[in-house]
Amino acid sequence: MPRPLAATAWFALALALTSCVGCEGRPVAPDADEGGPSPPPDWPMFRGGPDLRGVAAGHLPDALAPEWTFETEGPIVASTAVADGRVFVGSGDFKVYALALASGEKIWSRATEAEVQAAPLVLDGTVYVGSTDGRLYALSAGDGSVRWSYETDDKIAGAANVAPGAEGAAGGILVGSYDFHLHCVDAETGKVRWTVETENYVNGTPAVSGGTAVFGGCDGLLHVVDLAAGKEVRTIDAGAYVAASPALGDGLAFAGSVDGRLLAADLATGQIRWRYAPDEAEFFCSPALGETVVFIGSRDKRLHAVDRKTGNVRWTFATRGEVDSAPVLVGGKVLFGSADGRLYMVRADDGRQVWAWDLGARVTASPAVAGRRVLVGNEDGTLYCFRPKGKQQ
């Protein structure tokens, strides 16, 4: 229960990404309210947009405070989505929730048959979300009614993404499954368009740029897929399991592996540009991709900032717990959670801590940034909404 304390189409998602440029070290024009322009009001999917860069345009102040919380009955391990003044989040209590962004009041909930570990995708008034019951659900954003469900042969742990359709045609919804396949499903009908088979579990989210999708999995490969043909065109050896999702930029895929290697791979040639392999690192989260720096958390209890061109470390920031929460870059600052129960904000240029808040339980979910609000859940099942400290929304 609440306690006081859209992007709606493929082109809109892509347009939003054009404004979500990397901003570490880049000044922003001040305004009279908060010292800079607000981030966009919607965060309609995991990592903010189809190429999964985890970047929001605009500015956040140096101090935030809880505005409201909402309690579910299971752990929240995935990011929320925000569209049209509503917050959508899944929980380990088998449910998907829609909440009012302004108050945290529940609007509706929809039960699935197992834990919901995937972030929702909101597109054209529909919420697409996978469940560990093996189904991809298309729910009405308005009332949570089921428009269709698509069944895979094993659980879905990663968020859905969207493939562009031809002009005037519905796009495809992409989702990976533990049945060793990437599935492309018609957004309107829920009928399968095509599948791509891998050699092991697909537990992350496919990243999309233009007509290409890239995803990793427990087969230790990055798979490059031509979306128009529905065919795999290349695989790239990551060296170990890829437990999370890649980020795409400038023809490269950036992805971490569970053996502690962050790599930059050329999608056209399949060549590895560089590898970053710090001692004792294990990468179980997705990177955030700034213009010159890649940010990624590790189970060595650190956030790593790595030069995007060379793969050399810029700085690291130590927490007191594993960092499986995928960072988000906004206005020269990086937001991320830790298993120590805290949500952190650090400077992107030097890693200096700006702000932190103790959420009371392990944080593995990635933050979502919508306007001047930050939303993140923890593993005791509580969703927090933060706003600028001392400011009314």
Protein backbone atom coordinates (compact mmCIF):
# COMPACT_ATOMS: atom_id res chain seq x y z
CA MET A 1 0.00 0.00 0.00
CA PRO A 2 1.21 3.55 -0.66
CA ARG A 3 2.69 5.53 2.21
CA PRO A 4 3.12 9.32 1.97
CA LEU A 5 6.70 10.22 2.15
CA ALA A 6 4.79 7.69 -23.44
CA ALA A 7 6.72 7.07 -25.15
CA THR A 8 3.99 5.20 -27.11
CA ALA A 9 5.45 4.04 -30.41
CA TRP A 10 8.71 2.83 -31.92
CA PHE A 11 9.52 6.22 -33.42
CA ALA A 12 8.79 7.90 -30.09
CA LEU A 13 11.17 5.55 -28.32
CA ALA A 14 13.85 6.21 -30.91
CA LEU A 15 13.26 9.95 -30.75
CA ALA A 16 13.62 9.86 -26.99
CA LEU A 17 16.99 8.18 -27.43
CA THR A 18 18.26 11.00 -29.63
CA SER A 19 17.91 13.31 -26.64
CA CYS A 20 19.45 10.80 -24.20
CA VAL A 21 23.02 11.51 -25.20
CA GLY A 22 25.88 10.73 -22.84
CA CYS A 23 26.39 13.72 -20.63
CA GLU A 24 29.34 13.08 -18.34
CA GLY A 25 31.25 16.32 -18.07
CA ARG A 26 28.88 18.13 -20.44
CA PRO A 27 27.35 21.34 -19.02
CA VAL A 28 23.60 21.79 -19.22
CA ALA A 29 21.78 25.08 -19.55
CA PRO A 30 20.47 26.12 -16.12
CA ASP A 31 16.88 26.97 -15.37
CA ALA A 32 15.48 28.93 -12.48
CA ASP A 33 13.84 25.90 -10.85
CA GLU A 34 16.37 23.13 -10.29
CA GLY A 35 19.60 24.23 -11.97
CA GLY A 36 18.96 22.46 -15.29
CA PRO A 37 16.26 21.07 -17.57
CA SER A 38 14.13 18.18 -16.31
CA PRO A 39 14.64 14.70 -17.74
CA PRO A 40 11.86 13.46 -20.07
CA PRO A 41 8.63 12.59 -18.21
CA ASP A 42 8.52 8.95 -19.38
CA TRP A 43 10.84 5.97 -18.93
CA PRO A 44 8.85 3.46 -20.98
CA MET A 45 11.16 0.45 -20.83
CA PHE A 46 14.22 -1.16 -19.30
CA ARG A 47 17.26 1.13 -19.64
CA GLY A 48 15.04 3.91 -21.05
CA GLY A 49 15.14 3.07 -24.76
CA PRO A 50 15.68 0.29 -27.32
CA ASP A 51 19.49 0.44 -27.48
CA LEU A 52 19.62 -0.02 -23.68
CA ARG A 53 22.14 2.74 -23.04
CA GLY A 54 20.71 3.61 -19.64
CA VAL A 55 20.98 7.36 -20.19
CA ALA A 56 18.47 10.13 -19.48
CA ALA A 57 18.78 13.66 -20.83
CA GLY A 58 18.37 16.57 -18.44
CA HIS A 59 19.43 17.19 -14.87
CA LEU A 60 18.84 15.98 -11.32
CA PRO A 61 19.78 17.99 -8.22
CA ASP A 62 22.33 16.78 -5.71
CA ALA A 63 19.80 15.73 -3.06
CA LEU A 64 16.65 13.60 -3.31
CA ALA A 65 14.08 12.53 -0.74
CA PRO A 66 11.36 9.87 -0.71
CA GLU A 67 8.02 11.12 -2.02
CA TRP A 68 6.11 7.85 -1.55
CA THR A 69 6.61 4.12 -1.24
CA PHE A 70 4.48 1.19 -2.36
CA GLU A 71 4.72 -2.27 -0.83
CA THR A 72 4.31 -5.50 -2.76
CA GLU A 73 4.45 -8.99 -1.26
CA GLY A 74 7.54 -10.19 -3.10
CA PRO A 75 10.97 -8.92 -4.13
CA ILE A 76 11.27 -6.25 -6.81
CA VAL A 77 14.34 -7.10 -8.88
CA ALA A 78 13.62 -5.30 -12.16
CA SER A 79 13.29 -1.71 -13.26
CA THR A 80 9.97 0.08 -13.40
CA ALA A 81 8.51 1.65 -16.52
CA VAL A 82 6.83 5.07 -16.49
CA ALA A 83 4.43 6.36 -19.13
CA ASP A 84 1.61 8.89 -19.19
CA GLY A 85 1.71 9.55 -15.46
CA ARG A 86 1.63 5.88 -14.47
CA VAL A 87 4.27 3.58 -13.00
CA PHE A 88 4.37 -0.09 -14.02
CA VAL A 89 6.34 -2.64 -12.00
CA GLY A 90 6.52 -6.39 -11.54
CA SER A 91 7.05 -8.27 -8.29
CA GLY A 92 7.99 -11.64 -6.93
CA ASP A 93 4.42 -11.88 -5.63
CA PHE A 94 3.45 -12.95 -9.19
CA LYS A 95 1.82 -9.59 -10.01
CA VAL A 96 2.23 -6.59 -12.29
CA TYR A 97 1.15 -3.27 -10.79
CA ALA A 98 0.09 0.07 -12.23
CA LEU A 99 0.44 3.03 -9.85
CA ALA A 100 -0.18 6.75 -10.06
CA LEU A 101 3.17 8.48 -10.50
CA ALA A 102 2.11 11.49 -8.44
CA SER A 103 0.89 9.59 -5.38
CA GLY A 104 1.86 5.91 -5.54
CA GLU A 105 -1.79 4.89 -5.31
CA LYS A 106 -2.56 1.54 -6.92
CA ILE A 107 -4.61 1.78 -10.11
CA TRP A 108 -4.69 -1.93 -10.92
CA SER A 109 -2.78 -5.17 -10.51
CA ARG A 110 -2.71 -8.24 -12.73
CA ALA A 111 -1.69 -11.70 -11.51
CA THR A 112 0.52 -14.07 -13.49
CA GLU A 113 1.35 -17.65 -12.52
CA ALA A 114 4.90 -17.04 -11.24
CA GLU A 115 7.35 -14.32 -10.24
CA VAL A 116 7.66 -11.25 -12.46
CA GLN A 117 11.38 -10.53 -12.68
CA ALA A 118 11.30 -8.56 -15.94
CA ALA A 119 10.81 -4.85 -16.46
CA PRO A 120 7.67 -3.83 -18.38
CA LEU A 121 7.69 -2.26 -21.84
CA VAL A 122 4.94 0.33 -22.45
CA LEU A 123 4.01 0.94 -26.07
CA ASP A 124 0.84 2.38 -27.63
CA GLY A 125 -1.23 1.92 -24.48
CA THR A 126 -0.11 -1.67 -23.95
CA VAL A 127 2.17 -3.05 -21.25
CA TYR A 128 4.30 -5.96 -22.48
CA VAL A 129 5.86 -7.93 -19.64
CA GLY A 130 7.29 -11.41 -19.25
CA SER A 131 6.83 -13.71 -16.28
CA THR A 132 8.79 -16.68 -15.00
CA ASP A 133 5.64 -18.67 -15.82
CA GLY A 134 7.04 -18.60 -19.38
CA ARG A 135 4.48 -16.20 -20.84
CA LEU A 136 4.77 -12.77 -22.39
CA TYR A 137 1.69 -10.75 -21.45
CA ALA A 138 0.16 -7.83 -23.34
CA LEU A 139 -1.88 -5.87 -20.79
CA SER A 140 -4.03 -2.79 -21.23
CA ALA A 141 -2.19 0.14 -19.65
CA GLY A 142 -5.59 1.53 -18.71
CA ASP A 143 -7.10 -1.29 -16.68
CA GLY A 144 -4.66 -4.23 -16.76
CA SER A 145 -6.91 -6.48 -18.81
CA VAL A 146 -5.10 -9.16 -20.81
CA ARG A 147 -5.07 -8.43 -24.54
CA TRP A 148 -3.12 -11.57 -25.32
CA SER A 149 -0.45 -13.83 -23.89
CA TYR A 150 2.28 -15.71 -25.72
CA GLU A 151 3.74 -18.87 -24.26
CA THR A 152 7.39 -19.91 -24.48
CA ASP A 153 8.76 -23.22 -23.22
CA ASP A 154 10.51 -21.85 -20.13
CA LYS A 155 10.71 -18.81 -17.90
CA ILE A 156 11.16 -15.22 -19.07
CA ALA A 157 13.52 -13.24 -16.83
CA GLY A 158 14.50 -10.35 -19.12
CA ALA A 159 12.52 -7.36 -20.33
CA ALA A 160 10.91 -7.13 -23.74
CA ASN A 161 12.10 -4.75 -26.45
CA VAL A 162 10.50 -3.55 -29.68
CA ALA A 163 11.55 -4.11 -33.28
CA PRO A 164 10.53 -1.44 -35.78
CA GLY A 165 7.75 -2.38 -38.20
CA ALA A 166 7.25 -1.22 -41.75
CA GLU A 167 5.52 2.13 -42.15
CA GLY A 168 1.92 1.78 -41.02
CA ALA A 169 2.49 -1.72 -39.62
CA ALA A 170 2.76 -2.89 -36.06
CA GLY A 171 6.21 -3.66 -34.78
CA GLY A 172 7.41 -6.89 -33.25
CA ILE A 173 7.97 -7.49 -29.56
CA LEU A 174 11.28 -9.19 -28.78
CA VAL A 175 11.79 -11.32 -25.70
CA GLY A 176 14.30 -13.94 -24.64
CA SER A 177 13.43 -17.13 -22.78
CA TYR A 178 15.14 -19.90 -20.87
CA ASP A 179 13.90 -22.14 -23.69
CA PHE A 180 17.13 -21.12 -25.54
CA HIS A 181 15.29 -18.82 -27.99
CA LEU A 182 14.79 -15.18 -28.81
CA HIS A 183 11.15 -14.72 -29.81
CA CYS A 184 9.69 -12.02 -32.05
CA VAL A 185 5.94 -11.67 -31.47
CA ASP A 186 3.45 -9.49 -33.35
CA ALA A 187 2.61 -6.53 -31.12
CA GLU A 188 -1.08 -6.54 -32.02
CA THR A 189 -1.94 -10.22 -32.21
CA GLY A 190 0.61 -12.01 -30.02
CA LYS A 191 1.38 -14.43 -32.85
CA VAL A 192 4.96 -15.54 -33.34
CA ARG A 193 6.80 -13.99 -36.28
CA TRP A 194 10.09 -15.80 -35.90
CA THR A 195 12.49 -17.26 -33.35
CA VAL A 196 16.28 -17.49 -33.16
CA GLU A 197 17.73 -20.49 -31.35
CA THR A 198 20.77 -20.29 -29.07
CA GLU A 199 22.71 -22.91 -27.12
CA ASN A 200 21.58 -21.98 -23.60
CA TYR A 201 19.34 -19.71 -21.53
CA VAL A 202 18.55 -16.19 -22.73
CA ASN A 203 18.07 -14.21 -19.54
CA GLY A 204 18.74 -10.61 -20.58
CA THR A 205 17.03 -8.09 -22.82
CA PRO A 206 17.89 -7.81 -26.53
CA ALA A 207 19.28 -4.39 -27.43
CA VAL A 208 17.98 -2.84 -30.65
CA SER A 209 19.52 -0.25 -32.95
CA GLY A 210 18.15 0.31 -36.44
CA GLY A 211 17.43 -3.05 -37.97
CA THR A 212 19.70 -5.04 -35.66
CA ALA A 213 19.17 -6.75 -32.32
CA VAL A 214 21.98 -7.95 -30.07
CA PHE A 215 21.62 -10.19 -27.04
CA GLY A 216 23.73 -12.48 -24.89
CA GLY A 217 23.06 -15.53 -22.80
CA CYS A 218 24.39 -18.48 -20.93
CA ASP A 219 26.04 -19.86 -24.08
CA GLY A 220 28.75 -17.20 -23.68
CA LEU A 221 27.95 -15.56 -27.01
CA LEU A 222 26.63 -12.24 -28.23
CA HIS A 223 24.09 -12.93 -30.96
CA VAL A 224 23.60 -10.38 -33.76
CA VAL A 225 20.22 -10.65 -35.48
CA ASP A 226 18.85 -9.06 -38.66
CA LEU A 227 15.37 -8.03 -37.54
CA ALA A 228 13.82 -7.78 -41.00
CA ALA A 229 14.90 -11.31 -41.90
CA GLY A 230 14.56 -12.78 -38.43
CA LYS A 231 17.94 -14.42 -38.89
CA GLU A 232 21.14 -14.53 -36.89
CA VAL A 233 23.95 -12.97 -38.92
CA ARG A 234 26.84 -13.28 -36.49
CA THR A 235 27.93 -14.51 -33.07
CA ILE A 236 30.68 -12.97 -30.98
CA ASP A 237 32.49 -14.97 -28.31
CA ALA A 238 32.14 -13.17 -24.97
CA GLY A 239 34.31 -15.73 -23.19
CA ALA A 240 31.76 -16.57 -20.48
CA TYR A 241 28.07 -16.33 -19.66
CA VAL A 242 26.44 -12.97 -20.39
CA ALA A 243 23.97 -12.68 -17.54
CA ALA A 244 22.63 -9.23 -18.37
CA SER A 245 21.98 -7.06 -21.42
CA PRO A 246 24.32 -5.23 -23.79
CA ALA A 247 24.25 -1.53 -24.62
CA LEU A 248 24.68 -0.35 -28.22
CA GLY A 249 26.40 2.73 -29.59
CA ASP A 250 28.40 3.71 -32.69
CA GLY A 251 28.25 0.22 -34.16
CA LEU A 252 29.59 -1.39 -31.01
CA ALA A 253 28.04 -3.62 -28.36
CA PHE A 254 29.22 -3.20 -24.78
CA ALA A 255 28.53 -6.15 -22.47
CA GLY A 256 29.82 -7.66 -19.27
CA SER A 257 30.31 -11.36 -18.52
CA VAL A 258 30.13 -13.29 -15.29
CA ASP A 259 33.89 -13.95 -15.34
CA GLY A 260 34.53 -10.24 -14.91
CA ARG A 261 35.21 -9.05 -18.44
CA LEU A 262 33.60 -5.97 -19.96
CA LEU A 263 34.01 -5.96 -23.72
CA ALA A 264 33.42 -3.68 -26.68
CA ALA A 265 32.54 -5.66 -29.80
CA ASP A 266 32.31 -4.40 -33.38
CA LEU A 267 28.95 -5.53 -34.75
CA ALA A 268 30.00 -5.28 -38.40
CA THR A 269 33.12 -7.43 -38.10
CA GLY A 270 32.59 -9.39 -34.90
CA GLN A 271 35.99 -8.27 -33.64
CA ILE A 272 36.59 -7.37 -30.00
CA ARG A 273 37.89 -3.80 -29.78
CA TRP A 274 38.93 -4.10 -26.14
CA ARG A 275 38.38 -6.03 -22.92
CA TYR A 276 38.44 -4.67 -19.40
CA ALA A 277 39.10 -7.38 -16.81
CA PRO A 278 39.64 -6.11 -13.26
CA ASP A 279 40.58 -8.54 -10.50
CA GLU A 280 37.70 -10.21 -8.63
CA ALA A 281 35.02 -8.63 -10.82
CA GLU A 282 31.85 -10.41 -11.91
CA PHE A 283 29.44 -8.50 -14.14
CA PHE A 284 25.77 -9.36 -13.63
CA CYS A 285 24.28 -6.05 -14.74
CA SER A 286 23.99 -3.96 -17.87
CA PRO A 287 26.30 -1.02 -18.59
CA ALA A 288 25.32 2.63 -18.99
CA LEU A 289 26.85 4.17 -22.07
CA GLY A 290 28.04 7.78 -21.89
CA GLU A 291 29.77 9.62 -24.72
CA THR A 292 33.26 8.82 -23.47
CA VAL A 293 32.78 6.48 -20.50
CA VAL A 294 31.05 3.14 -19.88
CA PHE A 295 29.67 2.58 -16.37
CA ILE A 296 28.99 -0.89 -14.98
CA GLY A 297 28.49 -2.47 -11.56
CA SER A 298 30.21 -5.63 -10.37
CA ARG A 299 30.02 -8.22 -7.64
CA ASP A 300 33.38 -6.92 -6.41
CA LYS A 301 31.13 -4.30 -4.70
CA ARG A 302 32.21 -1.52 -7.05
CA LEU A 303 30.91 0.68 -9.81
CA HIS A 304 33.48 0.82 -12.62
CA ALA A 305 33.96 3.74 -15.00
CA VAL A 306 35.82 2.63 -18.14
CA ASP A 307 37.07 4.70 -21.07
CA ARG A 308 34.76 3.99 -23.99
CA LYS A 309 37.54 4.21 -26.60
CA THR A 310 40.40 2.35 -24.90
CA GLY A 311 38.85 0.14 -22.23
CA ASN A 312 41.10 1.65 -19.57
CA VAL A 313 39.66 2.27 -16.13
CA ARG A 314 38.90 5.90 -15.24
CA TRP A 315 37.82 5.31 -11.64
CA THR A 316 35.96 2.89 -9.38
CA PHE A 317 33.53 3.57 -6.54
CA ALA A 318 33.31 1.12 -3.62
CA THR A 319 30.08 0.18 -1.88
CA ARG A 320 29.47 -2.34 0.90
CA GLY A 321 27.67 -4.89 -1.25
CA GLU A 322 27.53 -6.45 -4.70
CA VAL A 323 26.42 -4.10 -7.47
CA ASP A 324 23.95 -5.93 -9.72
CA SER A 325 21.83 -2.79 -10.21
CA ALA A 326 22.40 -1.41 -13.71
CA PRO A 327 23.50 2.24 -13.48
CA VAL A 328 21.70 5.16 -15.09
CA LEU A 329 23.54 8.25 -16.32
CA VAL A 330 21.73 11.58 -16.01
CA GLY A 331 23.10 15.12 -16.05
CA GLY A 332 26.70 14.28 -15.26
CA LYS A 333 25.71 11.93 -12.41
CA VAL A 334 25.33 8.17 -12.13
CA LEU A 335 22.52 6.50 -10.16
CA PHE A 336 22.73 2.85 -9.07
CA GLY A 337 21.82 0.52 -6.24
CA SER A 338 23.84 -1.95 -4.20
CA ALA A 339 23.31 -5.10 -2.16
CA ASP A 340 24.19 -2.94 0.85
CA GLY A 341 20.65 -1.55 0.52
CA ARG A 342 21.60 1.90 -0.69
CA LEU A 343 20.76 3.93 -3.75
CA TYR A 344 23.81 5.97 -4.73
CA MET A 345 24.39 9.07 -6.82
CA VAL A 346 28.01 9.73 -7.85
CA ARG A 347 29.71 12.18 -10.17
CA ALA A 348 30.31 10.77 -13.62
CA ASP A 349 33.63 12.52 -14.13
CA ASP A 350 35.44 11.46 -10.95
CA GLY A 351 33.24 8.97 -9.03
CA ARG A 352 32.81 11.23 -6.01
CA GLN A 353 29.66 10.46 -3.99
CA VAL A 354 27.00 13.15 -4.24
CA TRP A 355 24.12 11.52 -2.36
CA ALA A 356 22.91 8.15 -1.04
CA TRP A 357 19.79 6.74 0.63
CA ASP A 358 19.37 3.55 2.63
CA LEU A 359 16.39 1.56 1.28
CA GLY A 360 16.71 -1.07 3.98
CA ALA A 361 17.15 -4.12 1.74
CA ARG A 362 19.26 -5.33 -1.17
CA VAL A 363 18.83 -3.30 -4.38
CA THR A 364 19.30 -5.21 -7.63
CA ALA A 365 16.75 -3.29 -9.70
CA SER A 366 17.93 -0.55 -12.02
CA PRO A 367 16.64 2.96 -11.28
CA ALA A 368 14.13 4.62 -13.61
CA VAL A 369 14.25 8.39 -14.18
CA ALA A 370 11.02 10.18 -15.13
CA GLY A 371 10.96 13.95 -14.96
CA ARG A 372 12.57 14.82 -11.64
CA ARG A 373 11.50 11.59 -10.03
CA VAL A 374 13.66 8.49 -9.52
CA LEU A 375 11.98 5.13 -8.96
CA VAL A 376 13.63 1.96 -7.71
CA GLY A 377 12.53 -1.19 -5.91
CA ASN A 378 14.30 -3.38 -3.38
CA GLU A 379 14.23 -7.06 -2.50
CA ASP A 380 11.86 -6.65 0.43
CA GLY A 381 9.23 -5.70 -2.15
CA THR A 382 9.10 -1.94 -1.62
CA LEU A 383 9.06 0.51 -4.51
CA TYR A 384 10.49 3.94 -3.71
CA CYS A 385 9.76 7.17 -5.54
CA PHE A 386 12.26 9.97 -4.91
CA ARG A 387 11.98 13.64 -5.84
CA PRO A 388 14.27 16.68 -5.36
CA LYS A 389 14.69 17.32 -1.66
CA GLY A 390 12.53 20.13 -0.35
CA LYS A 391 10.73 20.67 -3.67
CA GLN A 392 7.09 20.13 -4.47
CA GLN A 393 6.23 18.40 -7.73
